[in-house]
Amino acid sequence: PVFTLFASNLVTAIFVGAVHTYAAVEREACFAELMTSASSPLQVIRVVLRDNSTGGLISRRRVRKLMVEDKNAAAALQVLEIDAQMLDGLTKLLDEHETGQVCLNELLLAIMQLH
């Protein structure tokens, strides 16, 4: 009975490890695809925000406005299943010093991780 329990736990641990590794590989492949494809939703968002940022920073208010007004960016967020409330929450979390501005690269990374 003890050996059976040990063997069962060992097999479970190996299985969980394999699933975790597979999930990490899949996530990395998804990130790579989102970042390299010019037409990917993340690239669309990156271009819209980059063109409206200064020194790699963009105001939270500007992000909100752009993501609503720019049809391509709004569609990209929809594809990534991120709504305006989630985006506001992300920008608020990233604005740790409450300056009203967020780092563009950090925002893009957070959006990728949410997706």
Protein backbone atom coordinates (compact mmCIF):
# COMPACT_ATOMS: atom_id res chain seq x y z
CA PRO A 1 0.00 0.00 0.00
CA VAL A 2 2.78 2.49 0.84
CA PHE A 3 4.68 1.68 -2.35
CA THR A 4 1.51 2.06 -4.42
CA LEU A 5 0.86 5.48 -2.86
CA PHE A 6 4.46 6.52 -3.51
CA ALA A 7 4.29 5.34 -7.13
CA SER A 8 0.97 7.10 -7.65
CA ASN A 9 2.34 10.37 -6.24
CA LEU A 10 5.46 10.07 -8.38
CA VAL A 11 3.46 9.51 -11.57
CA THR A 12 1.18 12.44 -10.68
CA ALA A 13 4.17 14.71 -10.06
CA ILE A 14 5.73 13.75 -13.39
CA PHE A 15 2.43 14.35 -15.21
CA VAL A 16 1.88 17.76 -13.57
CA GLY A 17 5.45 18.77 -14.42
CA ALA A 18 4.99 17.77 -18.04
CA VAL A 19 1.70 19.68 -18.31
CA HIS A 20 3.30 22.76 -16.74
CA THR A 21 6.22 22.61 -19.18
CA TYR A 22 3.89 22.15 -22.15
CA ALA A 23 1.75 25.11 -21.05
CA ALA A 24 4.85 27.31 -20.76
CA VAL A 25 6.01 26.33 -24.25
CA GLU A 26 2.54 27.02 -25.69
CA ARG A 27 2.40 30.41 -23.95
CA GLU A 28 5.82 31.38 -25.29
CA ALA A 29 4.80 30.35 -28.81
CA CYS A 30 1.63 32.42 -28.52
CA PHE A 31 3.62 35.44 -27.30
CA ALA A 32 6.11 35.08 -30.13
CA GLU A 33 3.30 34.94 -32.68
CA LEU A 34 1.61 38.00 -31.17
CA MET A 35 4.84 39.99 -31.23
CA THR A 36 6.15 39.04 -34.68
CA SER A 37 3.05 39.18 -36.83
CA ALA A 38 2.50 42.72 -38.11
CA SER A 39 -1.25 42.17 -38.20
CA SER A 40 -1.52 40.65 -34.73
CA PRO A 41 -3.83 42.39 -32.26
CA LEU A 42 -0.91 43.16 -29.95
CA GLN A 43 1.06 44.84 -32.74
CA VAL A 44 -1.97 46.95 -33.67
CA ILE A 45 -2.27 48.12 -30.06
CA ARG A 46 1.50 48.70 -29.84
CA VAL A 47 1.52 50.92 -32.94
CA VAL A 48 -1.47 52.99 -31.80
CA LEU A 49 -0.01 53.53 -28.33
CA ARG A 50 3.56 54.07 -29.55
CA ASP A 51 2.47 56.80 -31.91
CA ASN A 52 0.81 58.59 -28.99
CA SER A 53 3.46 58.12 -26.31
CA THR A 54 6.33 60.30 -25.20
CA GLY A 55 9.59 58.75 -24.11
CA GLY A 56 7.97 55.33 -23.75
CA LEU A 57 5.30 56.67 -21.39
CA ILE A 58 1.63 57.26 -22.07
CA SER A 59 -1.08 58.69 -19.84
CA ARG A 60 -3.74 56.37 -18.51
CA ARG A 61 -6.41 58.75 -19.78
CA ARG A 62 -4.87 58.72 -23.28
CA VAL A 63 -4.76 54.90 -23.31
CA ARG A 64 -8.45 54.74 -22.41
CA LYS A 65 -9.36 57.32 -25.06
CA LEU A 66 -7.29 55.70 -27.82
CA MET A 67 -8.60 52.21 -27.15
CA VAL A 68 -12.16 53.47 -27.53
CA GLU A 69 -11.72 55.93 -30.41
CA ASP A 70 -9.33 53.94 -32.60
CA LYS A 71 -11.42 51.27 -34.33
CA ASN A 72 -8.43 49.02 -35.03
CA ALA A 73 -7.24 49.15 -31.43
CA ALA A 74 -10.76 48.51 -30.10
CA ALA A 75 -11.09 45.50 -32.41
CA ALA A 76 -7.66 44.22 -31.32
CA LEU A 77 -8.68 44.42 -27.66
CA GLN A 78 -11.85 42.53 -28.49
CA VAL A 79 -9.84 39.77 -30.17
CA LEU A 80 -7.63 39.56 -27.06
CA GLU A 81 -10.80 39.44 -24.92
CA ILE A 82 -9.83 42.53 -22.93
CA ASP A 83 -12.56 45.02 -22.17
CA ALA A 84 -12.26 48.67 -21.16
CA GLN A 85 -12.64 47.89 -17.47
CA MET A 86 -9.79 45.35 -17.57
CA LEU A 87 -7.61 47.82 -19.44
CA ASP A 88 -8.34 50.54 -16.87
CA GLY A 89 -7.45 48.10 -14.11
CA LEU A 90 -4.19 47.20 -15.82
CA THR A 91 -3.15 50.80 -16.28
CA LYS A 92 -4.04 51.57 -12.67
CA LEU A 93 -1.93 48.65 -11.44
CA LEU A 94 1.00 49.68 -13.61
CA ASP A 95 0.81 53.29 -12.41
CA GLU A 96 2.37 52.37 -9.07
CA HIS A 97 3.49 55.95 -8.26
CA GLU A 98 0.10 57.36 -9.25
CA THR A 99 1.57 59.75 -11.81
CA GLY A 100 -1.20 59.11 -14.30
CA GLN A 101 1.32 57.59 -16.73
CA VAL A 102 2.35 54.03 -17.56
CA CYS A 103 5.32 52.55 -19.37
CA LEU A 104 4.26 51.42 -22.83
CA ASN A 105 6.38 48.24 -22.76
CA GLU A 106 5.04 47.24 -19.34
CA LEU A 107 1.49 47.75 -20.54
CA LEU A 108 2.06 45.62 -23.63
CA LEU A 109 3.63 42.88 -21.53
CA ALA A 110 0.68 42.96 -19.11
CA ILE A 111 -1.76 42.72 -22.03
CA MET A 112 0.18 39.73 -23.39
CA GLN A 113 0.12 38.04 -20.01
CA LEU A 114 -3.62 38.59 -19.66
CA HIS A 115 -4.23 37.06 -23.04
